[in-house]
C-alpha atoms as a PDB file:
ATOM      1  CA  MET A   1      86.643 126.401  93.442  1.00  0.00           C
ATOM      2  CA  ALA A   2      87.705 125.839  89.962  1.00  0.00           C
ATOM      3  CA  GLY A   3      88.773 128.939  87.639  1.00  0.00           C
ATOM      4  CA  GLY A   4      91.347 130.569  90.366  1.00  0.00           C
ATOM      5  CA  ALA A   5      89.947 130.120  93.539  1.00  0.00           C
ATOM      6  CA  SER A   6      92.418 130.565  96.396  1.00  0.00           C
ATOM      7  CA  VAL A   7      92.383 128.640  99.404  1.00  0.00           C
ATOM      8  CA  ALA A   8      94.644 129.454 102.051  1.00  0.00           C
ATOM      9  CA  GLY A   9      96.864 131.237  99.880  1.00  0.00           C
ATOM     10  CA  HIS A  10      97.027 128.229  97.077  1.00  0.00           C
ATOM     11  CA  ASP A  11      96.492 129.349  93.374  1.00  0.00           C
ATOM     12  CA  LEU A  12      93.918 126.371  92.794  1.00  0.00           C
ATOM     13  CA  GLY A  13      93.305 127.616  89.084  1.00  0.00           C
ATOM     14  CA  ALA A  14      97.630 127.351  88.430  1.00  0.00           C
ATOM     15  CA  LEU A  15      97.063 123.720  90.124  1.00  0.00           C
ATOM     16  CA  GLU A  16      94.095 122.515  87.538  1.00  0.00           C
ATOM     17  CA  ALA A  17      96.285 123.886  84.922  1.00  0.00           C
ATOM     18  CA  ILE A  18      98.617 121.713  85.889  1.00  0.00           C
ATOM     19  CA  TYR A  19      96.880 118.590  85.705  1.00  0.00           C
ATOM     20  CA  ARG A  20      95.289 119.521  83.089  1.00  0.00           C
ATOM     21  CA  ALA A  21      98.445 119.845  81.214  1.00  0.00           C
ATOM     22  CA  VAL A  22      99.443 116.150  82.676  1.00  0.00           C
ATOM     23  CA  ASP A  23      96.489 114.666  81.765  1.00  0.00           C
ATOM     24  CA  ALA A  24      97.080 115.671  78.297  1.00  0.00           C
ATOM     25  CA  LEU A  25     100.562 114.762  78.054  1.00  0.00           C
ATOM     26  CA  LEU A  26      99.871 111.136  79.290  1.00  0.00           C
ATOM     27  CA  ASP A  27      97.286 110.471  76.897  1.00  0.00           C
ATOM     28  CA  GLY A  28      96.821 107.420  75.436  1.00  0.00           C
ATOM     29  CA  TRP A  29      99.483 105.967  77.842  1.00  0.00           C
ATOM     30  CA  SER A  30      97.522 104.353  80.765  1.00  0.00           C
ATOM     31  CA  CYS A  31      97.444 101.069  81.120  1.00  0.00           C
ATOM     32  CA  ASP A  32      93.968  99.626  81.242  1.00  0.00           C
ATOM     33  CA  ALA A  33      94.744  96.262  83.804  1.00  0.00           C
ATOM     34  CA  SER A  34      93.536  94.259  81.134  1.00  0.00           C
ATOM     35  CA  THR A  35      94.374  91.022  79.951  1.00  0.00           C
ATOM     36  CA  ASP A  36      95.740  92.266  76.944  1.00  0.00           C
ATOM     37  CA  CYS A  37      97.931  94.987  78.784  1.00  0.00           C
ATOM     38  CA  CYS A  38     101.695  94.318  77.365  1.00  0.00           C
ATOM     39  CA  HIS A  39     102.973  94.375  81.236  1.00  0.00           C
ATOM     40  CA  PHE A  40     100.203  91.136  81.643  1.00  0.00           C
ATOM     41  CA  ALA A  41     100.875  89.769  78.160  1.00  0.00           C
ATOM     42  CA  ARG A  42     105.122  89.643  79.975  1.00  0.00           C
ATOM     43  CA  THR A  43     104.961  88.532  83.125  1.00  0.00           C
ATOM     44  CA  GLY A  44     101.245  87.185  83.536  1.00  0.00           C
ATOM     45  CA  ARG A  45     100.585  89.122  86.208  1.00  0.00           C
ATOM     46  CA  ALA A  46      98.851  92.957  86.059  1.00  0.00           C
ATOM     47  CA  PRO A  47     100.336  96.073  87.288  1.00  0.00           C
END
């Protein structure tokens, strides 16, 4: 369904484009939930 397919009137291509844009904005900001995580270092708990 990629590439602008439509399901029940929804533009899935536009939704995929939004997801790609958000992924690009968040690149480098995800937490790997490891003991090296800054949150873990502060609280002793994984997020």
